[in-house]
Structures are given as structure tokens and as C-alpha cells.
Amino acid sequence: MNELRLIRRAAQVLAMLALLVGALALRALHADRRVDGTTAGATLTGLLPVVTSLKAHGAADRAGLRVGDVIERVDGRVPQSLAQVERTMASRHHTKLAVRRDGHLADVIM
């Protein structure tokens, strides 16, 4: 009985590790896609856009974005691509971003 539990637990751990490795592999495949945020003054990268740099005194910096912010929503929608985030930010006067910062959600209006 204990052996069966041990085997089941080992299988669960291996399954979780396989999921983690798969997620990391996907992230690595898409990490090279970059959008130069010249309009917003930010550079974004990753599956969910992550702010990797800010132009000093650029629109993103003035709006309160920080390096490391993960952009989870743009005007209430999950971004499908980095290009979509850039297009949305460039085409509107005000864009509401929901960003994850230090484990908490914060709203930023650009």
C-alpha cells in the first residue's frame, strides 16, 4: 500500500516537472520576439509582455511602468502578441494596462 502511494507521488512529481520544462521551453522559443517600444519608450519581450527597459522620461516611464512589469491586460484584454500591445499603445491616446508587479496587479494608464 505504501509502495503504491510512493509510486503515485513520484508520477505526480514527474508530471509537474514535465509541465514546467515544457513551459520553460515555450518561453525560450518566444523570448527572442522583441518589439521596440519607441512609441511608448519601453522594450517588451516574452510570452506575456515583460518590460525589459524604459526610455528615460518616455511615455512608459512617465506613466509609471517599471522594468520587470508583466503586462497581463491591455484595455481589459489579454494581449495575443507583443505587436498587438505596441499597436494598441500607439493607436490610442489613453491605454489602460494591467501589470503584475512584485506579485500584485497594478493599473497603469498610458
C-alpha atoms as a PDB file:
ATOM      1  CA  MET A   1       0.000   0.000   0.000  1.00  0.00           C
ATOM      2  CA  ASN A   2       2.793   2.450   0.888  1.00  0.00           C
ATOM      3  CA  GLU A   3       4.691   1.474  -2.257  1.00  0.00           C
ATOM      4  CA  LEU A   4       1.658   2.330  -4.387  1.00  0.00           C
ATOM      5  CA  ARG A   5       1.365   5.762  -2.748  1.00  0.00           C
ATOM      6  CA  LEU A   6       5.064   6.368  -3.266  1.00  0.00           C
ATOM      7  CA  ILE A   7       4.835   5.423  -6.946  1.00  0.00           C
ATOM      8  CA  ARG A   8       1.751   7.630  -7.424  1.00  0.00           C
ATOM      9  CA  ARG A   9       3.506  10.558  -5.739  1.00  0.00           C
ATOM     10  CA  ALA A  10       6.612  10.082  -7.880  1.00  0.00           C
ATOM     11  CA  ALA A  11       4.441  10.063 -11.019  1.00  0.00           C
ATOM     12  CA  GLN A  12       2.779  13.319  -9.927  1.00  0.00           C
ATOM     13  CA  VAL A  13       6.136  14.984  -9.316  1.00  0.00           C
ATOM     14  CA  LEU A  14       7.436  13.839 -12.709  1.00  0.00           C
ATOM     15  CA  ALA A  15       4.291  15.142 -14.428  1.00  0.00           C
ATOM     16  CA  MET A  16       4.693  18.547 -12.760  1.00  0.00           C
ATOM     17  CA  LEU A  17       8.350  18.676 -13.780  1.00  0.00           C
ATOM     18  CA  ALA A  18       7.420  17.813 -17.375  1.00  0.00           C
ATOM     19  CA  LEU A  19       4.893  20.671 -17.411  1.00  0.00           C
ATOM     20  CA  LEU A  20       7.469  23.083 -16.025  1.00  0.00           C
ATOM     21  CA  VAL A  21      10.092  22.062 -18.576  1.00  0.00           C
ATOM     22  CA  GLY A  22       7.521  22.429 -21.377  1.00  0.00           C
ATOM     23  CA  ALA A  23       6.537  25.900 -20.198  1.00  0.00           C
ATOM     24  CA  LEU A  24      10.169  26.986 -19.991  1.00  0.00           C
ATOM     25  CA  ALA A  25      10.829  25.611 -23.473  1.00  0.00           C
ATOM     26  CA  LEU A  26       7.889  27.562 -24.885  1.00  0.00           C
ATOM     27  CA  ARG A  27       9.063  30.709 -23.175  1.00  0.00           C
ATOM     28  CA  ALA A  28      12.547  30.241 -24.632  1.00  0.00           C
ATOM     29  CA  LEU A  29      11.108  29.790 -28.127  1.00  0.00           C
ATOM     30  CA  HIS A  30       9.227  33.065 -27.920  1.00  0.00           C
ATOM     31  CA  ALA A  31      11.709  35.087 -25.875  1.00  0.00           C
ATOM     32  CA  ASP A  32      13.543  36.305 -28.945  1.00  0.00           C
ATOM     33  CA  ARG A  33      10.460  38.146 -30.243  1.00  0.00           C
ATOM     34  CA  ARG A  34      11.029  41.778 -29.406  1.00  0.00           C
ATOM     35  CA  VAL A  35       9.053  44.889 -30.016  1.00  0.00           C
ATOM     36  CA  ASP A  36      10.967  48.113 -29.847  1.00  0.00           C
ATOM     37  CA  GLY A  37       8.687  50.355 -27.862  1.00  0.00           C
ATOM     38  CA  THR A  38       9.860  53.588 -29.396  1.00  0.00           C
ATOM     39  CA  THR A  39       6.337  54.984 -29.229  1.00  0.00           C
ATOM     40  CA  ALA A  40       5.934  54.170 -25.553  1.00  0.00           C
ATOM     41  CA  GLY A  41       9.569  54.332 -24.517  1.00  0.00           C
ATOM     42  CA  ALA A  42       9.659  50.685 -23.389  1.00  0.00           C
ATOM     43  CA  THR A  43      11.096  47.460 -24.752  1.00  0.00           C
ATOM     44  CA  LEU A  44       8.931  44.376 -24.277  1.00  0.00           C
ATOM     45  CA  THR A  45       9.778  40.696 -24.564  1.00  0.00           C
ATOM     46  CA  GLY A  46       8.333  37.257 -23.726  1.00  0.00           C
ATOM     47  CA  LEU A  47       5.072  35.312 -23.996  1.00  0.00           C
ATOM     48  CA  LEU A  48       3.286  37.779 -21.758  1.00  0.00           C
ATOM     49  CA  PRO A  49       4.994  41.084 -22.456  1.00  0.00           C
ATOM     50  CA  VAL A  50       7.572  41.997 -19.824  1.00  0.00           C
ATOM     51  CA  VAL A  51       9.025  45.492 -19.665  1.00  0.00           C
ATOM     52  CA  THR A  52      12.769  44.962 -20.096  1.00  0.00           C
ATOM     53  CA  SER A  53      13.877  48.555 -20.472  1.00  0.00           C
ATOM     54  CA  LEU A  54      12.496  52.063 -20.297  1.00  0.00           C
ATOM     55  CA  LYS A  55      13.480  55.222 -22.108  1.00  0.00           C
ATOM     56  CA  ALA A  56      14.208  57.878 -19.514  1.00  0.00           C
ATOM     57  CA  HIS A  57      11.326  60.355 -19.415  1.00  0.00           C
ATOM     58  CA  GLY A  58       9.498  58.409 -22.160  1.00  0.00           C
ATOM     59  CA  ALA A  59       5.732  57.883 -22.066  1.00  0.00           C
ATOM     60  CA  ALA A  60       6.052  54.498 -20.344  1.00  0.00           C
ATOM     61  CA  ASP A  61       8.398  55.916 -17.706  1.00  0.00           C
ATOM     62  CA  ARG A  62       6.114  58.908 -17.105  1.00  0.00           C
ATOM     63  CA  ALA A  63       3.061  56.619 -16.851  1.00  0.00           C
ATOM     64  CA  GLY A  64       4.733  54.621 -14.095  1.00  0.00           C
ATOM     65  CA  LEU A  65       5.777  51.408 -15.838  1.00  0.00           C
ATOM     66  CA  ARG A  66       8.818  49.742 -14.298  1.00  0.00           C
ATOM     67  CA  VAL A  67      11.357  47.287 -15.644  1.00  0.00           C
ATOM     68  CA  GLY A  68      10.083  43.811 -14.751  1.00  0.00           C
ATOM     69  CA  ASP A  69       6.387  44.698 -15.026  1.00  0.00           C
ATOM     70  CA  VAL A  70       4.425  41.911 -16.728  1.00  0.00           C
ATOM     71  CA  ILE A  71       1.643  43.304 -18.924  1.00  0.00           C
ATOM     72  CA  GLU A  72      -1.322  40.995 -18.346  1.00  0.00           C
ATOM     73  CA  ARG A  73      -4.109  43.056 -19.920  1.00  0.00           C
ATOM     74  CA  VAL A  74      -4.338  45.887 -22.422  1.00  0.00           C
ATOM     75  CA  ASP A  75      -7.652  47.737 -22.255  1.00  0.00           C
ATOM     76  CA  GLY A  76      -9.133  44.719 -20.435  1.00  0.00           C
ATOM     77  CA  ARG A  77      -7.911  42.099 -22.929  1.00  0.00           C
ATOM     78  CA  VAL A  78      -5.099  39.564 -22.679  1.00  0.00           C
ATOM     79  CA  PRO A  79      -2.521  40.522 -25.311  1.00  0.00           C
ATOM     80  CA  GLN A  80      -2.119  37.947 -28.088  1.00  0.00           C
ATOM     81  CA  SER A  81       1.263  39.240 -29.210  1.00  0.00           C
ATOM     82  CA  LEU A  82       3.874  41.847 -28.480  1.00  0.00           C
ATOM     83  CA  ALA A  83       2.972  43.596 -31.714  1.00  0.00           C
ATOM     84  CA  GLN A  84      -0.643  43.892 -30.554  1.00  0.00           C
ATOM     85  CA  VAL A  85       0.469  45.628 -27.356  1.00  0.00           C
ATOM     86  CA  GLU A  86       2.609  48.078 -29.299  1.00  0.00           C
ATOM     87  CA  ARG A  87      -0.141  48.764 -31.870  1.00  0.00           C
ATOM     88  CA  THR A  88      -2.743  49.349 -29.163  1.00  0.00           C
ATOM     89  CA  MET A  89      -0.487  51.684 -27.233  1.00  0.00           C
ATOM     90  CA  ALA A  90       0.440  53.610 -30.396  1.00  0.00           C
ATOM     91  CA  SER A  91      -3.119  53.927 -31.722  1.00  0.00           C
ATOM     92  CA  ARG A  92      -4.875  55.278 -28.632  1.00  0.00           C
ATOM     93  CA  HIS A  93      -4.459  58.452 -26.659  1.00  0.00           C
ATOM     94  CA  HIS A  94      -5.007  56.571 -23.375  1.00  0.00           C
ATOM     95  CA  THR A  95      -4.446  52.845 -22.879  1.00  0.00           C
ATOM     96  CA  LYS A  96      -5.172  51.041 -19.617  1.00  0.00           C
ATOM     97  CA  LEU A  97      -2.602  48.387 -18.782  1.00  0.00           C
ATOM     98  CA  ALA A  98      -2.985  45.816 -16.009  1.00  0.00           C
ATOM     99  CA  VAL A  99       0.549  44.941 -14.951  1.00  0.00           C
ATOM    100  CA  ARG A 100       1.822  42.403 -12.442  1.00  0.00           C
ATOM    101  CA  ARG A 101       4.472  43.972 -10.259  1.00  0.00           C
ATOM    102  CA  ASP A 102       6.015  42.277  -7.245  1.00  0.00           C
ATOM    103  CA  GLY A 103       3.211  39.700  -7.250  1.00  0.00           C
ATOM    104  CA  HIS A 104       0.416  42.284  -7.259  1.00  0.00           C
ATOM    105  CA  LEU A 105      -1.746  43.701 -10.052  1.00  0.00           C
ATOM    106  CA  ALA A 106      -1.481  47.417 -10.722  1.00  0.00           C
ATOM    107  CA  ASP A 107      -3.249  49.586 -13.288  1.00  0.00           C
ATOM    108  CA  VAL A 108      -1.196  51.949 -15.424  1.00  0.00           C
ATOM    109  CA  ILE A 109      -2.789  54.475 -17.778  1.00  0.00           C
ATOM    110  CA  MET A 110      -0.642  55.413 -20.761  1.00  0.00           C
END
